[in-house]
Amino acid sequence: MMSCVRVFDLPGAEKRLAELNKSTEKEGFWGSQEAQAVTREISYVQSRLDKANEIKNEFEEIEAIADMLADGSDDELETEFYSRADKLAKTIEEYQIVILLDGEYDAGNAILTVHAGAGGLDSQNWAQMLYRMYMRWAENHGYDVKLIDELPDQEGGLKSVTVSVSGSYAYGYLKGEQGVHRLVRISPFDSAKRRHTSFSSVEVMPVLPDSVEIEIRPEDLKMDTFRSSGAGGQYVNMTDSAVRITHIPSGIVVSCQTERSQHMNRATAMQVLRSKLFERSQRERHEQLESIQGEKRAIAWGSQIRSYTLQPFQLVKDHRSGCEIGNVQAVLDGDIDELIMAYLRTSRNGRQKGGE
C-alpha cells in the first residue's frame, strides 16, 4: 500500500492543496487576477486526490479479499477478486496517464497546424497524410474538430491546414506532436519510382482561457479580408468574409475562412493569434534558458522528432523517446497513442531528473 501512496504522491498533493487553499484566504484574493488560475488548480489537485483515495480504498478492499482467500477457497469470492483487480488495474493506468498531463493548459483544447515543407507535391501529400492521421486519432477519442483555415494546392495535397481540437486533455496529448515529421517512401509522383524523403511540420498550441493576458495592440495589427475558398456553408464563398490578420512586430500571420461571417472569422483568427504569441514567448524563454545553461540544440528542418519509413522497410520511430512501431499503416490511420504516451513518459522523466 505504501508503494501506491508513493506513486500517486498523496502527501505532496495534500500539501499543495493546503497551500492553495491558504492563498485564497488572503485579503482581496477573489478580486485579483490570480483567482481564476488558483481555483482551477485547486479543482485539479482535489480531483487527483479524490481519485487517488478512491484507488487506495479499493486496493485495501481487494487486499482484504486476498487475505480471506488465503484462509480458504471460495469460488464466488475468487471471481470477485479477479474482476475487481482487473478493473482497478485499468483505473490505475488511466490515472497514471492523467498524472503525466500536469501542465498548466494540458486539460484544455488545442490548436493544431500542419505545414508542408520544401519538396512540392511529395511534402504537400505528406502534410495531407499527417492531417488525416490526426483527424482519425481525434475521431477515435471522441474529440470535436473544427477546421479554421486550409490552404490546398491545385495539383494535390495541402500547403497548410489549421484546426481546433476540443475535448478533455486535447492539448496535453497533442503537445508532444509539435516538430518536424519525416517520411521516407517511394514517391507516387516520381515516374522513375525513386525513394524520396519528405518533411512536414506540426505546430500545437493551447487554446488560452480569457483570463490569460496577452498584450496585442490594435495599431500592431493589419487585417485583410478576402473571399473564402474553403467549406463553411452555402453563402461563405459569396462575400469577403475570410480574414487574414498580420501581427506586424512578430510577423505572425493567421487567417480564418470557415465561419459564416467576417466577425466570426476575425474572432477565431484573434484566438489563434493569442495562442501563437503565447507559444512564441514560451519558446523564446526556453531558448534563453538553454543559452544560459550552455545547451546548444539544432533548430533546423532536418532535426525531426519522428520518422515514418515505408521503404525499404516499415518503421515509425520517435527520436525523443526511442519508441518504435512496425505497423506504419496503423499509425497513419490514427493509432498514435503508444507514441504519445512514450513521449509523455520520457518528457516527465526528463523533468524529474532536471529537478534532482
Protein backbone atom coordinates (compact mmCIF):
# COMPACT_ATOMS: atom_id res chain seq x y z
CA MET A 1 0.00 0.00 0.00
CA MET A 2 2.91 2.35 0.72
CA SER A 3 4.08 1.96 -2.89
CA CYS A 4 0.66 3.14 -4.05
CA VAL A 5 0.98 6.23 -1.83
CA ARG A 6 4.47 6.98 -3.21
CA VAL A 7 3.45 6.56 -6.86
CA PHE A 8 0.48 8.90 -6.53
CA ASP A 9 2.37 11.30 -4.19
CA LEU A 10 -0.60 11.79 -1.87
CA PRO A 11 1.41 13.77 0.73
CA GLY A 12 2.70 16.11 -1.99
CA ALA A 13 -0.79 16.66 -3.43
CA GLU A 14 -2.26 17.25 0.05
CA LYS A 15 0.49 19.77 0.85
CA ARG A 16 -0.10 21.62 -2.43
CA LEU A 17 -3.88 21.73 -1.82
CA ALA A 18 -3.31 23.20 1.65
CA GLU A 19 -1.03 25.90 0.16
CA LEU A 20 -3.61 26.79 -2.49
CA ASN A 21 -6.48 26.95 -0.02
CA LYS A 22 -4.41 29.18 2.26
CA SER A 23 -3.73 31.58 -0.62
CA THR A 24 -7.48 32.07 -1.09
CA GLU A 25 -7.70 33.48 2.43
CA LYS A 26 -5.55 36.49 1.55
CA GLU A 27 -7.30 39.85 1.57
CA GLY A 28 -8.52 40.86 -1.87
CA PHE A 29 -7.80 37.44 -3.37
CA TRP A 30 -11.19 36.92 -5.01
CA GLY A 31 -10.92 40.17 -6.92
CA SER A 32 -7.37 39.52 -8.09
CA GLN A 33 -6.13 38.28 -11.46
CA GLU A 34 -4.74 35.07 -9.96
CA ALA A 35 -8.08 33.92 -8.50
CA GLN A 36 -9.20 32.01 -11.60
CA ALA A 37 -5.86 30.24 -12.05
CA VAL A 38 -5.70 29.25 -8.37
CA THR A 39 -9.26 27.93 -8.25
CA ARG A 40 -8.60 25.96 -11.44
CA GLU A 41 -5.53 24.35 -9.84
CA ILE A 42 -7.47 23.65 -6.63
CA SER A 43 -10.08 21.79 -8.67
CA TYR A 44 -7.37 19.83 -10.50
CA VAL A 45 -5.43 18.85 -7.34
CA GLN A 46 -8.63 17.97 -5.48
CA SER A 47 -9.79 15.71 -8.31
CA ARG A 48 -6.38 13.97 -8.27
CA LEU A 49 -6.64 13.44 -4.53
CA ASP A 50 -10.20 12.12 -4.76
CA LYS A 51 -9.20 9.65 -7.48
CA ALA A 52 -6.06 8.57 -5.62
CA ASN A 53 -8.02 7.98 -2.40
CA GLU A 54 -10.65 6.05 -4.35
CA ILE A 55 -7.89 3.82 -5.75
CA LYS A 56 -6.29 3.48 -2.31
CA ASN A 57 -9.58 2.37 -0.71
CA GLU A 58 -10.31 -0.13 -3.49
CA PHE A 59 -6.78 -1.51 -3.21
CA GLU A 60 -7.28 -2.08 0.53
CA GLU A 61 -10.59 -3.89 -0.05
CA ILE A 62 -9.00 -6.16 -2.67
CA GLU A 63 -6.17 -6.87 -0.23
CA ALA A 64 -8.77 -7.90 2.36
CA ILE A 65 -10.38 -10.30 -0.16
CA ALA A 66 -6.94 -11.77 -0.90
CA ASP A 67 -6.41 -12.38 2.82
CA MET A 68 -9.75 -14.20 3.04
CA LEU A 69 -8.89 -16.34 0.02
CA ALA A 70 -5.58 -17.25 1.66
CA ASP A 71 -7.56 -18.80 4.53
CA GLY A 72 -9.71 -20.97 2.27
CA SER A 73 -11.10 -21.47 -1.24
CA ASP A 74 -14.29 -19.64 -2.26
CA ASP A 75 -15.26 -19.62 -5.95
CA GLU A 76 -17.57 -16.62 -5.70
CA LEU A 77 -15.03 -14.59 -3.74
CA GLU A 78 -12.26 -15.57 -6.16
CA THR A 79 -14.33 -14.36 -9.13
CA GLU A 80 -14.95 -11.05 -7.36
CA PHE A 81 -11.23 -10.72 -6.59
CA TYR A 82 -10.10 -11.10 -10.21
CA SER A 83 -12.92 -8.91 -11.53
CA ARG A 84 -12.15 -6.06 -9.15
CA ALA A 85 -8.38 -6.43 -9.58
CA ASP A 86 -8.68 -6.16 -13.39
CA LYS A 87 -10.91 -3.11 -13.07
CA LEU A 88 -8.51 -1.49 -10.60
CA ALA A 89 -5.53 -2.10 -12.91
CA LYS A 90 -7.32 -0.24 -15.72
CA THR A 91 -8.27 2.60 -13.36
CA ILE A 92 -4.65 2.97 -12.22
CA GLU A 93 -3.43 3.02 -15.82
CA GLU A 94 -5.90 5.79 -16.68
CA TYR A 95 -4.89 7.74 -13.58
CA GLN A 96 -1.19 7.45 -14.39
CA ILE A 97 -1.91 9.00 -17.79
CA VAL A 98 -3.64 11.96 -16.13
CA ILE A 99 -0.62 12.41 -13.84
CA LEU A 100 1.57 12.78 -16.93
CA LEU A 101 -0.70 15.58 -18.17
CA ASP A 102 0.07 18.05 -15.42
CA GLY A 103 0.94 21.14 -17.46
CA GLU A 104 -0.94 24.37 -16.87
CA TYR A 105 -3.03 24.09 -20.05
CA ASP A 106 -2.90 20.32 -20.60
CA ALA A 107 -6.54 19.78 -19.65
CA GLY A 108 -7.81 22.19 -22.30
CA ASN A 109 -8.34 22.39 -26.03
CA ALA A 110 -5.67 22.63 -28.72
CA ILE A 111 -4.99 24.41 -31.99
CA LEU A 112 -3.07 22.19 -34.42
CA THR A 113 -1.45 23.30 -37.67
CA VAL A 114 0.29 21.14 -40.28
CA HIS A 115 2.68 22.84 -42.73
CA ALA A 116 4.15 21.16 -45.81
CA GLY A 117 7.91 21.51 -46.11
CA ALA A 118 10.07 22.00 -49.15
CA GLY A 119 9.58 19.29 -51.73
CA GLY A 120 6.50 20.18 -53.74
CA LEU A 121 3.82 17.54 -54.20
CA ASP A 122 5.55 14.94 -52.04
CA SER A 123 5.62 17.21 -48.97
CA GLN A 124 2.11 18.51 -49.63
CA ASN A 125 0.83 14.95 -49.88
CA TRP A 126 2.70 14.12 -46.66
CA ALA A 127 1.05 17.10 -44.93
CA GLN A 128 -2.33 15.76 -46.02
CA MET A 129 -1.45 12.29 -44.69
CA LEU A 130 -0.47 13.77 -41.31
CA TYR A 131 -3.67 15.81 -41.20
CA ARG A 132 -5.70 12.65 -41.86
CA MET A 133 -3.75 10.82 -39.13
CA TYR A 134 -4.62 13.42 -36.51
CA MET A 135 -8.25 13.61 -37.62
CA ARG A 136 -8.57 9.81 -37.28
CA TRP A 137 -6.94 9.96 -33.84
CA ALA A 138 -9.30 12.75 -32.71
CA GLU A 139 -12.33 10.89 -34.05
CA ASN A 140 -11.31 7.70 -32.23
CA HIS A 141 -11.09 9.62 -28.95
CA GLY A 142 -14.36 11.48 -29.31
CA TYR A 143 -12.83 14.94 -29.75
CA ASP A 144 -14.59 17.70 -31.66
CA VAL A 145 -12.55 19.04 -34.58
CA LYS A 146 -13.25 22.38 -36.24
CA LEU A 147 -11.49 23.50 -39.42
CA ILE A 148 -10.11 27.04 -39.04
CA ASP A 149 -8.07 27.51 -42.20
CA GLU A 150 -6.98 25.35 -45.11
CA LEU A 151 -4.62 26.07 -47.99
CA PRO A 152 -4.83 23.24 -50.53
CA ASP A 153 -2.69 23.05 -53.66
CA GLN A 154 -4.34 22.85 -57.06
CA GLU A 155 -2.15 19.91 -58.07
CA GLY A 156 -2.77 18.00 -54.85
CA GLY A 157 -2.13 17.83 -51.14
CA LEU A 158 -2.06 20.60 -48.55
CA LYS A 159 0.28 23.54 -48.15
CA SER A 160 -1.11 24.10 -44.66
CA VAL A 161 -4.16 23.40 -42.53
CA THR A 162 -5.23 24.63 -39.08
CA VAL A 163 -7.88 23.04 -36.85
CA SER A 164 -9.06 23.33 -33.28
CA VAL A 165 -9.34 20.08 -31.31
CA SER A 166 -11.76 20.31 -28.40
CA GLY A 167 -12.12 17.86 -25.53
CA SER A 168 -10.63 16.81 -22.22
CA TYR A 169 -6.80 16.97 -22.26
CA ALA A 170 -6.64 17.58 -26.03
CA TYR A 171 -3.63 19.89 -25.67
CA GLY A 172 -1.92 17.62 -23.14
CA TYR A 173 -2.00 14.68 -25.53
CA LEU A 174 -1.14 16.60 -28.69
CA LYS A 175 1.56 18.99 -27.43
CA GLY A 176 4.30 16.40 -27.99
CA GLU A 177 3.42 16.21 -31.70
CA GLN A 178 4.97 19.63 -32.31
CA GLY A 179 8.02 19.47 -34.52
CA VAL A 180 9.24 18.16 -37.86
CA HIS A 181 7.89 14.82 -39.14
CA ARG A 182 9.90 12.95 -41.78
CA LEU A 183 8.54 10.49 -44.35
CA VAL A 184 10.68 8.09 -46.42
CA ARG A 185 8.93 6.26 -49.27
CA ILE A 186 8.91 5.58 -52.97
CA SER A 187 7.29 8.70 -54.34
CA PRO A 188 3.93 8.18 -56.07
CA PHE A 189 4.76 11.32 -58.08
CA ASP A 190 8.10 10.03 -59.43
CA SER A 191 7.75 8.12 -62.70
CA ALA A 192 11.17 6.52 -62.04
CA LYS A 193 9.85 5.12 -58.70
CA ARG A 194 12.74 6.52 -56.70
CA ARG A 195 12.79 6.83 -52.94
CA HIS A 196 12.07 10.33 -51.64
CA THR A 197 12.29 11.97 -48.22
CA SER A 198 9.57 14.48 -47.36
CA PHE A 199 9.17 16.81 -44.39
CA SER A 200 6.17 18.47 -42.79
CA SER A 201 6.00 20.41 -39.56
CA VAL A 202 3.30 20.24 -36.90
CA GLU A 203 2.54 23.17 -34.61
CA VAL A 204 0.41 22.67 -31.46
CA MET A 205 -0.79 25.47 -29.19
CA PRO A 206 -3.20 25.61 -26.25
CA VAL A 207 -6.50 27.44 -26.57
CA LEU A 208 -5.92 30.04 -23.88
CA PRO A 209 -8.54 30.93 -21.27
CA ASP A 210 -9.78 34.53 -21.36
CA SER A 211 -8.00 35.13 -18.04
CA VAL A 212 -4.58 34.81 -19.70
CA GLU A 213 -3.43 38.27 -20.67
CA ILE A 214 -1.61 38.59 -24.00
CA GLU A 215 -0.85 42.17 -24.97
CA ILE A 216 -1.99 42.84 -28.53
CA ARG A 217 -2.13 46.50 -29.52
CA PRO A 218 -4.64 47.38 -32.26
CA GLU A 219 -2.01 49.50 -34.03
CA ASP A 220 0.20 46.39 -34.34
CA LEU A 221 -2.41 44.56 -36.41
CA LYS A 222 -3.06 44.60 -40.13
CA MET A 223 -6.34 42.99 -41.16
CA ASP A 224 -7.19 41.91 -44.70
CA THR A 225 -10.40 40.37 -45.94
CA PHE A 226 -10.82 38.07 -48.91
CA ARG A 227 -13.27 35.63 -50.41
CA SER A 228 -13.20 32.21 -48.79
CA SER A 229 -12.09 29.24 -50.86
CA GLY A 230 -12.97 26.57 -48.33
CA ALA A 231 -16.00 24.85 -46.90
CA GLY A 232 -18.18 26.64 -44.41
CA GLY A 233 -21.74 26.91 -45.57
CA GLN A 234 -23.82 27.76 -48.60
CA TYR A 235 -23.03 31.50 -48.59
CA VAL A 236 -19.49 31.57 -47.24
CA ASN A 237 -17.86 31.92 -50.68
CA MET A 238 -20.12 34.76 -51.89
CA THR A 239 -18.70 37.60 -49.74
CA ASP A 240 -15.29 38.77 -48.50
CA SER A 241 -15.87 37.08 -45.15
CA ALA A 242 -12.44 35.41 -44.78
CA VAL A 243 -9.98 37.26 -42.54
CA ARG A 244 -6.18 37.43 -42.51
CA ILE A 245 -4.50 39.17 -39.57
CA THR A 246 -0.82 40.13 -39.57
CA HIS A 247 0.86 40.90 -36.25
CA ILE A 248 3.42 43.44 -37.51
CA PRO A 249 6.02 43.28 -34.67
CA SER A 250 6.38 39.48 -34.81
CA GLY A 251 5.49 38.89 -38.45
CA ILE A 252 2.96 36.21 -37.41
CA VAL A 253 0.12 35.80 -39.91
CA VAL A 254 -3.11 33.97 -39.10
CA SER A 255 -6.24 33.52 -41.15
CA CYS A 256 -9.70 32.02 -40.83
CA GLN A 257 -12.16 31.41 -43.63
CA THR A 258 -14.51 28.71 -42.41
CA GLU A 259 -17.01 30.75 -40.37
CA ARG A 260 -20.13 32.25 -41.95
CA SER A 261 -19.36 35.87 -41.13
CA GLN A 262 -16.36 38.20 -41.17
CA HIS A 263 -16.92 38.96 -37.46
CA MET A 264 -16.77 35.27 -36.52
CA ASN A 265 -13.70 34.68 -38.68
CA ARG A 266 -11.96 37.63 -37.04
CA ALA A 267 -12.76 36.34 -33.53
CA THR A 268 -11.38 32.89 -34.38
CA ALA A 269 -8.27 34.37 -36.03
CA MET A 270 -7.63 36.51 -32.93
CA GLN A 271 -7.90 33.39 -30.75
CA VAL A 272 -5.28 31.67 -32.90
CA LEU A 273 -3.05 34.78 -32.81
CA ARG A 274 -3.20 34.91 -28.99
CA SER A 275 -2.13 31.25 -28.82
CA LYS A 276 0.69 31.81 -31.34
CA LEU A 277 2.04 34.80 -29.44
CA PHE A 278 1.87 32.88 -26.18
CA GLU A 279 3.69 29.87 -27.69
CA ARG A 280 6.31 32.21 -29.16
CA SER A 281 7.00 33.86 -25.80
CA GLN A 282 7.28 30.45 -24.11
CA ARG A 283 9.69 29.21 -26.79
CA GLU A 284 11.86 32.33 -26.50
CA ARG A 285 12.02 31.93 -22.73
CA HIS A 286 13.01 28.27 -23.13
CA GLU A 287 15.71 29.10 -25.69
CA GLN A 288 17.07 31.84 -23.42
CA LEU A 289 17.26 29.38 -20.52
CA GLU A 290 19.10 26.85 -22.68
CA SER A 291 21.53 29.57 -23.73
CA ILE A 292 22.22 30.44 -20.08
CA GLN A 293 22.72 26.76 -19.27
CA GLY A 294 25.10 26.36 -22.17
CA GLU A 295 22.94 23.93 -24.17
CA LYS A 296 23.04 24.05 -27.95
CA ARG A 297 20.33 22.30 -29.89
CA ALA A 298 19.87 22.46 -33.62
CA ILE A 299 16.62 24.12 -34.56
CA ALA A 300 16.79 23.01 -38.16
CA TRP A 301 14.47 21.50 -40.76
CA GLY A 302 16.38 18.23 -40.50
CA SER A 303 16.03 17.91 -36.73
CA GLN A 304 12.90 15.77 -36.98
CA ILE A 305 11.12 14.47 -33.91
CA ARG A 306 9.77 11.39 -35.69
CA SER A 307 10.47 9.37 -38.84
CA TYR A 308 7.93 7.33 -40.80
CA THR A 309 9.67 4.86 -43.13
CA LEU A 310 7.66 2.98 -45.76
CA GLN A 311 10.61 1.82 -47.92
CA PRO A 312 12.97 -0.06 -47.85
CA PHE A 313 11.41 -1.30 -44.57
CA GLN A 314 8.41 -0.31 -42.47
CA LEU A 315 9.01 1.53 -39.21
CA VAL A 316 7.83 4.56 -37.26
CA LYS A 317 10.43 5.83 -34.80
CA ASP A 318 10.12 8.69 -32.33
CA HIS A 319 13.62 10.11 -31.93
CA ARG A 320 12.95 11.58 -28.47
CA SER A 321 11.51 8.57 -26.67
CA GLY A 322 13.05 5.82 -28.85
CA CYS A 323 9.57 4.29 -29.31
CA GLU A 324 9.38 2.17 -32.49
CA ILE A 325 6.30 0.73 -34.21
CA GLY A 326 6.43 -1.62 -37.19
CA ASN A 327 2.80 -1.24 -38.27
CA VAL A 328 3.15 2.08 -40.12
CA GLN A 329 -0.31 1.91 -41.70
CA ALA A 330 -1.99 1.63 -38.28
CA VAL A 331 -0.11 4.74 -37.16
CA LEU A 332 -1.13 6.65 -40.30
CA ASP A 333 -4.71 5.54 -39.59
CA GLY A 334 -4.57 7.38 -36.26
CA ASP A 335 -3.23 4.76 -33.86
CA ILE A 336 -0.63 7.06 -32.26
CA ASP A 337 -1.41 6.56 -28.56
CA GLU A 338 1.72 4.49 -27.94
CA LEU A 339 3.89 7.22 -29.46
CA ILE A 340 2.12 9.93 -27.46
CA MET A 341 2.47 8.08 -24.15
CA ALA A 342 6.12 7.22 -24.78
CA TYR A 343 6.89 10.90 -25.32
CA LEU A 344 4.94 11.98 -22.20
CA ARG A 345 6.79 9.46 -20.04
CA THR A 346 10.17 10.47 -21.47
CA SER A 347 9.34 14.14 -21.01
CA ARG A 348 8.25 13.64 -17.40
CA ASN A 349 11.34 11.57 -16.58
CA GLY A 350 13.48 14.32 -18.07
CA ARG A 351 11.79 16.96 -15.93
CA GLN A 352 12.22 14.86 -12.80
CA LYS A 353 15.94 14.33 -13.47
CA GLY A 354 16.36 18.01 -14.19
CA GLY A 355 14.81 18.84 -10.83
CA GLU A 356 17.03 16.50 -8.86
